[in-house]
Amino acid sequence: MKRLSFILLPLLASPAAAQMPPPVHAQAPAEPNAIPLYPDMKAPKGTTENWVRFGEDLAVRNVTVPTLTPVLPDPAKATGAAVIVAPGGAFMMLAMQHEGWNVARWLADHGVAAFVLKYRLNQTPADDQEAAAYMGQRIAASLRDPNAAPAITEPRATLDALAALKLVRGGADTWGIDPQRVGMIGFSAGAMTTLNAALEGKGADRPSFIGYVYGPMLARDVPGGAPPMFAAIANDDSLFPNPSYALVESWRRARVPVELHAYERGDHGFGTGKPGTTSMGVLPQFLSWLDMHGLLQRSSGQ
């Protein structure tokens, strides 16, 4: 499985990074089911999305008009639960296939309605090679202190996540889902976006539950009303060599349910799992966690 995060991280100088294919310019894929989060929003003049392919995986840069793409289960399998999927990419790129569509299809195959969030990003150079160098430099500067939060942020991503939650809940009848069982799962920067939506959303506006996959594990102030969290990371994560699992402890201190899966191997960006490692269990374990919380039980009204 290709791991897009390593393509953006030449600073790691790892064997995996050296073996990754270079980015190749790609045509924007057809996204016939993509729903604009803000119907009246237009791309700023002179801007366009830039799509690239890393081996078999598609990714996008320079997103200025966010969208949400439903990936729905067979009605015979549908549980009524829904998950918004937030790909990562250092807030400068979105690994749409690796951490978005692939995850959404797996969830839909298991009865969970999935919605892939293409959120707004920091701008990068239009040229693919210039963009790769620019992103590598910014990431290197951002991560000099492993005990500090990454310096690259994108507040609009959090706004887009909260808008996506509102949109999904508003369309619950259309999509056959329970508005009380709408959560999020995010990967890397998408995990940070998911976490921010959980901590900054107010009351019913926040996700019902969250999956936090290989995001930074630094402590946060967690309110008592925060949603339950499923957290997963590899202990050999080269991007976030975490000295502790302080974020999990923050959830425990707030007396909010939390589950942690710390895989021995998998590195950063394992997506749905790195073959040959126990990180392959991440989505089945997330599903089992949802089931344990009663989130997969179809209600009588559905």
C-alpha atoms as a PDB file:
ATOM      1  CA  MET A   1       0.000   0.000   0.000  1.00  0.00           C
ATOM      2  CA  LYS A   2       1.329   3.428  -0.916  1.00  0.00           C
ATOM      3  CA  ARG A   3       1.791   5.807   1.987  1.00  0.00           C
ATOM      4  CA  LEU A   4       1.294   9.348   0.777  1.00  0.00           C
ATOM      5  CA  SER A   5       2.554  10.971   3.939  1.00  0.00           C
ATOM      6  CA  PHE A   6       6.099   9.833   3.216  1.00  0.00           C
ATOM      7  CA  ILE A   7       6.075  11.489  -0.183  1.00  0.00           C
ATOM      8  CA  LEU A   8       5.573  14.794   1.580  1.00  0.00           C
ATOM      9  CA  LEU A   9       8.267  14.097   4.169  1.00  0.00           C
ATOM     10  CA  PRO A  10      11.687  13.845   2.523  1.00  0.00           C
ATOM     11  CA  LEU A  11      13.087  15.173   5.808  1.00  0.00           C
ATOM     12  CA  LEU A  12      12.568  11.745   7.345  1.00  0.00           C
ATOM     13  CA  ALA A  13      15.075  10.186   4.930  1.00  0.00           C
ATOM     14  CA  SER A  14      13.567   6.793   5.630  1.00  0.00           C
ATOM     15  CA  PRO A  15      13.902   3.753   3.322  1.00  0.00           C
ATOM     16  CA  ALA A  16      10.159   3.860   2.780  1.00  0.00           C
ATOM     17  CA  ALA A  17      10.377   7.456   1.594  1.00  0.00           C
ATOM     18  CA  ALA A  18      13.184   6.628  -0.812  1.00  0.00           C
ATOM     19  CA  GLN A  19      11.090   3.892  -2.404  1.00  0.00           C
ATOM     20  CA  MET A  20       8.007   6.026  -2.995  1.00  0.00           C
ATOM     21  CA  PRO A  21       7.200   7.040  -6.570  1.00  0.00           C
ATOM     22  CA  PRO A  22       7.490  10.736  -7.492  1.00  0.00           C
ATOM     23  CA  PRO A  23       4.287  12.756  -7.886  1.00  0.00           C
ATOM     24  CA  VAL A  24       2.781  12.744 -11.373  1.00  0.00           C
ATOM     25  CA  HIS A  25       0.331  15.389 -12.529  1.00  0.00           C
ATOM     26  CA  ALA A  26      -3.190  13.999 -12.846  1.00  0.00           C
ATOM     27  CA  GLN A  27      -6.450  15.185 -14.315  1.00  0.00           C
ATOM     28  CA  ALA A  28      -9.119  16.039 -11.793  1.00  0.00           C
ATOM     29  CA  PRO A  29     -11.328  12.967 -11.368  1.00  0.00           C
ATOM     30  CA  ALA A  30     -15.042  13.078 -11.972  1.00  0.00           C
ATOM     31  CA  GLU A  31     -16.808  13.701  -8.668  1.00  0.00           C
ATOM     32  CA  PRO A  32     -20.458  13.509  -9.716  1.00  0.00           C
ATOM     33  CA  ASN A  33     -21.737  12.962  -6.188  1.00  0.00           C
ATOM     34  CA  ALA A  34     -19.718  15.725  -4.527  1.00  0.00           C
ATOM     35  CA  ILE A  35     -21.910  18.211  -2.655  1.00  0.00           C
ATOM     36  CA  PRO A  36     -20.613  21.769  -2.132  1.00  0.00           C
ATOM     37  CA  LEU A  37     -20.527  22.617   1.559  1.00  0.00           C
ATOM     38  CA  TYR A  38     -21.323  26.243   0.755  1.00  0.00           C
ATOM     39  CA  PRO A  39     -23.417  26.387  -2.449  1.00  0.00           C
ATOM     40  CA  ASP A  40     -22.693  30.071  -3.080  1.00  0.00           C
ATOM     41  CA  MET A  41     -18.918  29.822  -2.600  1.00  0.00           C
ATOM     42  CA  LYS A  42     -16.764  30.324  -5.696  1.00  0.00           C
ATOM     43  CA  ALA A  43     -13.072  29.611  -6.142  1.00  0.00           C
ATOM     44  CA  PRO A  44     -10.960  32.792  -5.893  1.00  0.00           C
ATOM     45  CA  LYS A  45     -10.017  34.184  -9.271  1.00  0.00           C
ATOM     46  CA  GLY A  46      -6.921  32.563 -10.736  1.00  0.00           C
ATOM     47  CA  THR A  47      -6.982  29.534  -8.430  1.00  0.00           C
ATOM     48  CA  THR A  48      -7.543  25.912  -9.327  1.00  0.00           C
ATOM     49  CA  GLU A  49      -7.230  22.553  -7.621  1.00  0.00           C
ATOM     50  CA  ASN A  50      -4.072  20.609  -8.424  1.00  0.00           C
ATOM     51  CA  TRP A  51      -4.380  16.823  -8.572  1.00  0.00           C
ATOM     52  CA  VAL A  52      -1.414  14.462  -8.485  1.00  0.00           C
ATOM     53  CA  ARG A  53      -0.945  10.726  -8.511  1.00  0.00           C
ATOM     54  CA  PHE A  54       1.538   8.852  -6.316  1.00  0.00           C
ATOM     55  CA  GLY A  55       1.631   5.388  -7.847  1.00  0.00           C
ATOM     56  CA  GLU A  56      -2.027   4.369  -7.763  1.00  0.00           C
ATOM     57  CA  ASP A  57      -3.167   6.990  -5.254  1.00  0.00           C
ATOM     58  CA  LEU A  58      -4.767  10.337  -6.081  1.00  0.00           C
ATOM     59  CA  ALA A  59      -4.273  13.438  -3.959  1.00  0.00           C
ATOM     60  CA  VAL A  60      -5.304  17.075  -4.318  1.00  0.00           C
ATOM     61  CA  ARG A  61      -3.809  20.444  -3.407  1.00  0.00           C
ATOM     62  CA  ASN A  62      -5.110  24.013  -3.347  1.00  0.00           C
ATOM     63  CA  VAL A  63      -8.680  23.183  -2.362  1.00  0.00           C
ATOM     64  CA  THR A  64     -10.646  26.429  -2.017  1.00  0.00           C
ATOM     65  CA  VAL A  65     -14.212  25.149  -2.461  1.00  0.00           C
ATOM     66  CA  PRO A  66     -14.901  22.339   0.035  1.00  0.00           C
ATOM     67  CA  THR A  67     -17.165  19.422  -0.797  1.00  0.00           C
ATOM     68  CA  LEU A  68     -18.674  16.343   0.814  1.00  0.00           C
ATOM     69  CA  THR A  69     -19.055  13.092  -1.137  1.00  0.00           C
ATOM     70  CA  PRO A  70     -21.511  10.444   0.158  1.00  0.00           C
ATOM     71  CA  VAL A  71     -20.502   6.783  -0.079  1.00  0.00           C
ATOM     72  CA  LEU A  72     -23.592   4.898   1.037  1.00  0.00           C
ATOM     73  CA  PRO A  73     -24.099   1.276   2.076  1.00  0.00           C
ATOM     74  CA  ASP A  74     -26.500  -1.195   0.541  1.00  0.00           C
ATOM     75  CA  PRO A  75     -29.834  -0.421   2.252  1.00  0.00           C
ATOM     76  CA  ALA A  76     -30.036  -4.069   3.330  1.00  0.00           C
ATOM     77  CA  LYS A  77     -26.782  -3.611   5.298  1.00  0.00           C
ATOM     78  CA  ALA A  78     -27.291  -0.033   6.509  1.00  0.00           C
ATOM     79  CA  THR A  79     -26.980   0.421  10.264  1.00  0.00           C
ATOM     80  CA  GLY A  80     -28.086   4.055  10.390  1.00  0.00           C
ATOM     81  CA  ALA A  81     -24.654   5.184  11.615  1.00  0.00           C
ATOM     82  CA  ALA A  82     -22.711   7.762   9.610  1.00  0.00           C
ATOM     83  CA  VAL A  83     -19.039   8.788   9.577  1.00  0.00           C
ATOM     84  CA  ILE A  84     -17.454  11.837   7.956  1.00  0.00           C
ATOM     85  CA  VAL A  85     -13.985  10.871   6.688  1.00  0.00           C
ATOM     86  CA  ALA A  86     -11.250  13.539   6.814  1.00  0.00           C
ATOM     87  CA  PRO A  87      -8.074  12.676   4.852  1.00  0.00           C
ATOM     88  CA  GLY A  88      -4.698  14.073   5.875  1.00  0.00           C
ATOM     89  CA  GLY A  89      -1.838  15.814   4.101  1.00  0.00           C
ATOM     90  CA  ALA A  90      -0.305  18.448   6.410  1.00  0.00           C
ATOM     91  CA  PHE A  91      -3.091  20.939   5.611  1.00  0.00           C
ATOM     92  CA  MET A  92      -1.430  21.403   2.213  1.00  0.00           C
ATOM     93  CA  MET A  93      -2.671  18.279   0.425  1.00  0.00           C
ATOM     94  CA  LEU A  94      -5.456  15.736   0.845  1.00  0.00           C
ATOM     95  CA  ALA A  95      -4.774  12.020   0.368  1.00  0.00           C
ATOM     96  CA  MET A  96      -8.223  11.588  -1.159  1.00  0.00           C
ATOM     97  CA  GLN A  97      -7.832   7.976  -2.208  1.00  0.00           C
ATOM     98  CA  HIS A  98      -5.525   6.572   0.464  1.00  0.00           C
ATOM     99  CA  GLU A  99      -7.246   8.144   3.483  1.00  0.00           C
ATOM    100  CA  GLY A 100     -10.580   9.162   1.977  1.00  0.00           C
ATOM    101  CA  TRP A 101     -12.341   7.068  -0.659  1.00  0.00           C
ATOM    102  CA  ASN A 102     -10.695   3.785   0.399  1.00  0.00           C
ATOM    103  CA  VAL A 103     -11.799   4.308   3.996  1.00  0.00           C
ATOM    104  CA  ALA A 104     -15.301   5.380   2.967  1.00  0.00           C
ATOM    105  CA  ARG A 105     -15.828   2.347   0.744  1.00  0.00           C
ATOM    106  CA  TRP A 106     -14.736   0.022   3.555  1.00  0.00           C
ATOM    107  CA  LEU A 107     -17.170   1.631   5.981  1.00  0.00           C
ATOM    108  CA  ALA A 108     -20.028   1.510   3.460  1.00  0.00           C
ATOM    109  CA  ASP A 109     -19.308  -2.170   2.790  1.00  0.00           C
ATOM    110  CA  HIS A 110     -19.846  -2.712   6.521  1.00  0.00           C
ATOM    111  CA  GLY A 111     -23.133  -0.840   6.762  1.00  0.00           C
ATOM    112  CA  VAL A 112     -21.910   2.613   7.766  1.00  0.00           C
ATOM    113  CA  ALA A 113     -22.805   5.622   5.624  1.00  0.00           C
ATOM    114  CA  ALA A 114     -19.567   7.481   4.852  1.00  0.00           C
ATOM    115  CA  PHE A 115     -19.000  11.042   3.647  1.00  0.00           C
ATOM    116  CA  VAL A 116     -15.573  12.078   2.352  1.00  0.00           C
ATOM    117  CA  LEU A 117     -14.713  15.646   3.326  1.00  0.00           C
ATOM    118  CA  LYS A 118     -12.562  17.654   0.910  1.00  0.00           C
ATOM    119  CA  TYR A 119     -11.733  20.609   3.136  1.00  0.00           C
ATOM    120  CA  ARG A 120      -9.935  23.869   2.455  1.00  0.00           C
ATOM    121  CA  LEU A 121      -6.132  23.923   2.539  1.00  0.00           C
ATOM    122  CA  ASN A 122      -3.104  26.181   2.783  1.00  0.00           C
ATOM    123  CA  GLN A 123      -2.062  27.335  -0.689  1.00  0.00           C
ATOM    124  CA  THR A 124       0.962  25.717  -2.358  1.00  0.00           C
ATOM    125  CA  PRO A 125       2.778  26.413  -5.652  1.00  0.00           C
ATOM    126  CA  ALA A 126       0.931  25.213  -8.740  1.00  0.00           C
ATOM    127  CA  ASP A 127       3.953  23.313 -10.089  1.00  0.00           C
ATOM    128  CA  ASP A 128       4.053  19.805  -8.603  1.00  0.00           C
ATOM    129  CA  GLN A 129       7.813  19.633  -8.006  1.00  0.00           C
ATOM    130  CA  GLU A 130       7.933  23.143  -6.526  1.00  0.00           C
ATOM    131  CA  ALA A 131       4.995  22.222  -4.311  1.00  0.00           C
ATOM    132  CA  ALA A 132       6.727  19.056  -3.050  1.00  0.00           C
ATOM    133  CA  ALA A 133       9.839  21.028  -2.079  1.00  0.00           C
ATOM    134  CA  TYR A 134       7.754  23.771  -0.463  1.00  0.00           C
ATOM    135  CA  MET A 135       5.706  21.313   1.564  1.00  0.00           C
ATOM    136  CA  GLY A 136       8.764  19.390   2.717  1.00  0.00           C
ATOM    137  CA  GLN A 137      10.397  22.588   3.951  1.00  0.00           C
ATOM    138  CA  ARG A 138       7.277  23.728   5.805  1.00  0.00           C
ATOM    139  CA  ILE A 139       6.758  20.345   7.431  1.00  0.00           C
ATOM    140  CA  ALA A 140      10.410  20.174   8.530  1.00  0.00           C
ATOM    141  CA  ALA A 141      10.148  23.614  10.137  1.00  0.00           C
ATOM    142  CA  SER A 142       6.811  22.764  11.724  1.00  0.00           C
ATOM    143  CA  LEU A 143       8.042  19.648  13.501  1.00  0.00           C
ATOM    144  CA  ARG A 144      11.358  20.785  14.975  1.00  0.00           C
ATOM    145  CA  ASP A 145       9.986  20.498  18.512  1.00  0.00           C
ATOM    146  CA  PRO A 146       8.293  17.082  19.010  1.00  0.00           C
ATOM    147  CA  ASN A 147       6.739  18.341  22.247  1.00  0.00           C
ATOM    148  CA  ALA A 148       4.944  21.230  20.538  1.00  0.00           C
ATOM    149  CA  ALA A 149       1.859  21.133  18.357  1.00  0.00           C
ATOM    150  CA  PRO A 150       2.588  21.199  14.593  1.00  0.00           C
ATOM    151  CA  ALA A 151       2.870  24.814  13.459  1.00  0.00           C
ATOM    152  CA  ILE A 152       0.947  24.248  10.208  1.00  0.00           C
ATOM    153  CA  THR A 153      -2.732  24.839  10.864  1.00  0.00           C
ATOM    154  CA  GLU A 154      -5.877  25.544   8.838  1.00  0.00           C
ATOM    155  CA  PRO A 155      -8.804  26.962  10.863  1.00  0.00           C
ATOM    156  CA  ARG A 156     -11.061  26.776   7.801  1.00  0.00           C
ATOM    157  CA  ALA A 157     -10.737  22.980   7.879  1.00  0.00           C
ATOM    158  CA  THR A 158     -12.442  22.949  11.282  1.00  0.00           C
ATOM    159  CA  LEU A 159     -15.203  25.226   9.986  1.00  0.00           C
ATOM    160  CA  ASP A 160     -15.670  22.860   7.048  1.00  0.00           C
ATOM    161  CA  ALA A 161     -15.871  19.839   9.368  1.00  0.00           C
ATOM    162  CA  LEU A 162     -18.571  21.508  11.467  1.00  0.00           C
ATOM    163  CA  ALA A 163     -20.461  22.510   8.295  1.00  0.00           C
ATOM    164  CA  ALA A 164     -20.222  18.918   7.057  1.00  0.00           C
ATOM    165  CA  LEU A 165     -21.703  17.604  10.304  1.00  0.00           C
ATOM    166  CA  LYS A 166     -24.602  20.039   9.960  1.00  0.00           C
ATOM    167  CA  LEU A 167     -25.153  19.041   6.330  1.00  0.00           C
ATOM    168  CA  VAL A 168     -25.154  15.301   7.078  1.00  0.00           C
ATOM    169  CA  ARG A 169     -27.521  15.645  10.010  1.00  0.00           C
ATOM    170  CA  GLY A 170     -29.808  17.886   7.950  1.00  0.00           C
ATOM    171  CA  GLY A 171     -29.988  15.189   5.244  1.00  0.00           C
ATOM    172  CA  ALA A 172     -30.550  12.306   7.653  1.00  0.00           C
ATOM    173  CA  ASP A 173     -33.905  11.324   6.158  1.00  0.00           C
ATOM    174  CA  THR A 174     -32.513  11.429   2.617  1.00  0.00           C
ATOM    175  CA  TRP A 175     -29.550   9.224   3.476  1.00  0.00           C
ATOM    176  CA  GLY A 176     -31.320   6.929   5.932  1.00  0.00           C
ATOM    177  CA  ILE A 177     -29.157   7.772   8.913  1.00  0.00           C
ATOM    178  CA  ASP A 178     -29.699   8.603  12.567  1.00  0.00           C
ATOM    179  CA  PRO A 179     -28.665  12.240  13.263  1.00  0.00           C
ATOM    180  CA  GLN A 180     -27.682  11.180  16.790  1.00  0.00           C
ATOM    181  CA  ARG A 181     -25.093   8.738  15.350  1.00  0.00           C
ATOM    182  CA  VAL A 182     -23.032  10.988  13.075  1.00  0.00           C
ATOM    183  CA  GLY A 183     -19.316  10.913  13.861  1.00  0.00           C
ATOM    184  CA  MET A 184     -15.976  11.586  12.210  1.00  0.00           C
ATOM    185  CA  ILE A 185     -12.743   9.740  11.535  1.00  0.00           C
ATOM    186  CA  GLY A 186      -9.614  11.580  10.479  1.00  0.00           C
ATOM    187  CA  PHE A 187      -6.043  10.725   9.544  1.00  0.00           C
ATOM    188  CA  SER A 188      -3.005  12.889  10.438  1.00  0.00           C
ATOM    189  CA  ALA A 189      -4.079  16.486   9.629  1.00  0.00           C
ATOM    190  CA  GLY A 190      -7.562  15.060   9.146  1.00  0.00           C
ATOM    191  CA  ALA A 191      -7.314  13.665  12.685  1.00  0.00           C
ATOM    192  CA  MET A 192      -6.409  17.146  13.924  1.00  0.00           C
ATOM    193  CA  THR A 193      -9.412  18.548  12.064  1.00  0.00           C
ATOM    194  CA  THR A 194     -11.635  15.872  13.604  1.00  0.00           C
ATOM    195  CA  LEU A 195     -10.295  16.628  17.080  1.00  0.00           C
ATOM    196  CA  ASN A 196     -10.866  20.355  16.635  1.00  0.00           C
ATOM    197  CA  ALA A 197     -14.458  19.731  15.533  1.00  0.00           C
ATOM    198  CA  ALA A 198     -14.991  17.655  18.687  1.00  0.00           C
ATOM    199  CA  LEU A 199     -13.475  20.287  20.996  1.00  0.00           C
ATOM    200  CA  GLU A 200     -14.710  23.466  19.307  1.00  0.00           C
ATOM    201  CA  GLY A 201     -18.187  22.329  18.301  1.00  0.00           C
ATOM    202  CA  LYS A 202     -20.921  23.291  20.695  1.00  0.00           C
ATOM    203  CA  GLY A 203     -23.434  20.780  22.028  1.00  0.00           C
ATOM    204  CA  ALA A 204     -25.291  18.999  19.241  1.00  0.00           C
ATOM    205  CA  ASP A 205     -23.027  20.608  16.613  1.00  0.00           C
ATOM    206  CA  ARG A 206     -20.031  18.438  17.530  1.00  0.00           C
ATOM    207  CA  PRO A 207     -19.539  14.865  16.231  1.00  0.00           C
ATOM    208  CA  SER A 208     -21.280  12.074  18.160  1.00  0.00           C
ATOM    209  CA  PHE A 209     -17.972  10.132  18.278  1.00  0.00           C
ATOM    210  CA  ILE A 210     -14.526  10.428  16.717  1.00  0.00           C
ATOM    211  CA  GLY A 211     -11.792   8.248  15.266  1.00  0.00           C
ATOM    212  CA  TYR A 212      -8.360   9.837  15.716  1.00  0.00           C
ATOM    213  CA  VAL A 213      -5.792   8.054  13.560  1.00  0.00           C
ATOM    214  CA  TYR A 214      -2.071   8.943  13.738  1.00  0.00           C
ATOM    215  CA  GLY A 215      -2.597  12.505  14.898  1.00  0.00           C
ATOM    216  CA  PRO A 216      -0.289  14.162  17.457  1.00  0.00           C
ATOM    217  CA  MET A 217      -0.841  12.813  20.960  1.00  0.00           C
ATOM    218  CA  LEU A 218      -0.253  16.037  22.880  1.00  0.00           C
ATOM    219  CA  ALA A 219      -2.471  16.951  25.832  1.00  0.00           C
ATOM    220  CA  ARG A 220      -5.569  19.062  25.239  1.00  0.00           C
ATOM    221  CA  ASP A 221      -8.232  20.612  27.440  1.00  0.00           C
ATOM    222  CA  VAL A 222     -11.197  18.274  27.095  1.00  0.00           C
ATOM    223  CA  PRO A 223     -14.693  19.322  28.219  1.00  0.00           C
ATOM    224  CA  GLY A 224     -16.912  16.829  29.986  1.00  0.00           C
ATOM    225  CA  GLY A 225     -19.320  16.830  27.058  1.00  0.00           C
ATOM    226  CA  ALA A 226     -16.687  15.746  24.522  1.00  0.00           C
ATOM    227  CA  PRO A 227     -17.572  12.739  22.349  1.00  0.00           C
ATOM    228  CA  PRO A 228     -16.078   9.272  22.849  1.00  0.00           C
ATOM    229  CA  MET A 229     -12.753   8.815  21.050  1.00  0.00           C
ATOM    230  CA  PHE A 230     -11.132   5.849  19.286  1.00  0.00           C
ATOM    231  CA  ALA A 231      -7.414   6.601  18.875  1.00  0.00           C
ATOM    232  CA  ALA A 232      -4.857   4.683  16.823  1.00  0.00           C
ATOM    233  CA  ILE A 233      -1.179   5.261  16.120  1.00  0.00           C
ATOM    234  CA  ALA A 234       1.961   3.225  15.392  1.00  0.00           C
ATOM    235  CA  ASN A 235       4.742   3.249  17.973  1.00  0.00           C
ATOM    236  CA  ASP A 236       7.294   3.694  15.170  1.00  0.00           C
ATOM    237  CA  ASP A 237       5.524   6.788  13.779  1.00  0.00           C
ATOM    238  CA  SER A 238       8.307   8.855  12.169  1.00  0.00           C
ATOM    239  CA  LEU A 239       6.245  12.040  11.991  1.00  0.00           C
ATOM    240  CA  PHE A 240       4.940  12.040  15.567  1.00  0.00           C
ATOM    241  CA  PRO A 241       7.515  10.184  17.707  1.00  0.00           C
ATOM    242  CA  ASN A 242       5.254  10.594  20.721  1.00  0.00           C
ATOM    243  CA  PRO A 243       6.915  10.549  24.125  1.00  0.00           C
ATOM    244  CA  SER A 244       3.547   9.770  25.709  1.00  0.00           C
ATOM    245  CA  TYR A 245      -0.137   9.348  25.012  1.00  0.00           C
ATOM    246  CA  ALA A 246      -1.114  12.567  26.750  1.00  0.00           C
ATOM    247  CA  LEU A 247      -4.175  13.140  24.580  1.00  0.00           C
ATOM    248  CA  VAL A 248      -5.656   9.835  25.732  1.00  0.00           C
ATOM    249  CA  GLU A 249      -4.953  10.823  29.330  1.00  0.00           C
ATOM    250  CA  SER A 250      -6.735  14.142  28.678  1.00  0.00           C
ATOM    251  CA  TRP A 251      -9.840  12.181  27.659  1.00  0.00           C
ATOM    252  CA  ARG A 252      -9.551   9.936  30.724  1.00  0.00           C
ATOM    253  CA  ARG A 253      -9.208  12.878  33.094  1.00  0.00           C
ATOM    254  CA  ALA A 254     -12.379  14.360  31.611  1.00  0.00           C
ATOM    255  CA  ARG A 255     -14.076  10.990  32.263  1.00  0.00           C
ATOM    256  CA  VAL A 256     -15.006  10.643  28.596  1.00  0.00           C
ATOM    257  CA  PRO A 257     -14.790   7.160  26.988  1.00  0.00           C
ATOM    258  CA  VAL A 258     -11.567   6.600  25.058  1.00  0.00           C
ATOM    259  CA  GLU A 259      -9.870   3.590  23.478  1.00  0.00           C
ATOM    260  CA  LEU A 260      -6.245   3.515  22.292  1.00  0.00           C
ATOM    261  CA  HIS A 261      -4.614   1.159  19.784  1.00  0.00           C
ATOM    262  CA  ALA A 262      -0.830   1.626  19.754  1.00  0.00           C
ATOM    263  CA  TYR A 263       0.541  -0.672  17.050  1.00  0.00           C
ATOM    264  CA  GLU A 264       4.125  -1.879  17.282  1.00  0.00           C
ATOM    265  CA  ARG A 265       4.751  -1.078  13.609  1.00  0.00           C
ATOM    266  CA  GLY A 266       3.021   0.798  10.828  1.00  0.00           C
ATOM    267  CA  ASP A 267       4.841   4.160  10.763  1.00  0.00           C
ATOM    268  CA  HIS A 268       2.953   7.288   9.736  1.00  0.00           C
ATOM    269  CA  GLY A 269       0.288   7.229   7.051  1.00  0.00           C
ATOM    270  CA  PHE A 270      -0.729   3.566   7.171  1.00  0.00           C
ATOM    271  CA  GLY A 271      -4.297   4.431   6.119  1.00  0.00           C
ATOM    272  CA  THR A 272      -6.462   1.316   6.231  1.00  0.00           C
ATOM    273  CA  GLY A 273      -3.404  -0.633   7.413  1.00  0.00           C
ATOM    274  CA  LYS A 274       0.160  -1.508   6.456  1.00  0.00           C
ATOM    275  CA  PRO A 275       0.301  -5.113   5.197  1.00  0.00           C
ATOM    276  CA  GLY A 276       2.238  -7.423   7.463  1.00  0.00           C
ATOM    277  CA  THR A 277       1.487  -5.406  10.593  1.00  0.00           C
ATOM    278  CA  THR A 278      -1.330  -5.360  13.121  1.00  0.00           C
ATOM    279  CA  SER A 279      -2.272  -1.877  11.900  1.00  0.00           C
ATOM    280  CA  MET A 280      -4.362  -3.783   9.344  1.00  0.00           C
ATOM    281  CA  GLY A 281      -6.882  -4.085  12.162  1.00  0.00           C
ATOM    282  CA  VAL A 282      -7.548  -0.355  12.469  1.00  0.00           C
ATOM    283  CA  LEU A 283     -10.894  -0.216  10.626  1.00  0.00           C
ATOM    284  CA  PRO A 284     -12.237  -3.558  11.926  1.00  0.00           C
ATOM    285  CA  GLN A 285     -11.338  -2.403  15.446  1.00  0.00           C
ATOM    286  CA  PHE A 286     -12.997   0.974  14.887  1.00  0.00           C
ATOM    287  CA  LEU A 287     -16.123  -0.847  13.726  1.00  0.00           C
ATOM    288  CA  SER A 288     -16.055  -3.131  16.764  1.00  0.00           C
ATOM    289  CA  TRP A 289     -15.698  -0.077  18.995  1.00  0.00           C
ATOM    290  CA  LEU A 290     -18.758   1.510  17.359  1.00  0.00           C
ATOM    291  CA  ASP A 291     -20.646  -1.720  17.919  1.00  0.00           C
ATOM    292  CA  MET A 292     -19.580  -1.858  21.577  1.00  0.00           C
ATOM    293  CA  HIS A 293     -21.084   1.613  22.041  1.00  0.00           C
ATOM    294  CA  GLY A 294     -24.353   0.508  20.446  1.00  0.00           C
ATOM    295  CA  LEU A 295     -23.813   2.811  17.462  1.00  0.00           C
ATOM    296  CA  LEU A 296     -24.455   0.112  14.858  1.00  0.00           C
ATOM    297  CA  GLN A 297     -27.847  -0.970  16.162  1.00  0.00           C
ATOM    298  CA  ARG A 298     -30.494  -0.084  13.618  1.00  0.00           C
ATOM    299  CA  SER A 299     -33.307   1.893  15.266  1.00  0.00           C
ATOM    300  CA  SER A 300     -36.953   0.869  14.844  1.00  0.00           C
ATOM    301  CA  GLY A 301     -37.718   4.053  12.913  1.00  0.00           C
ATOM    302  CA  GLN A 302     -35.246   3.272  10.144  1.00  0.00           C
END
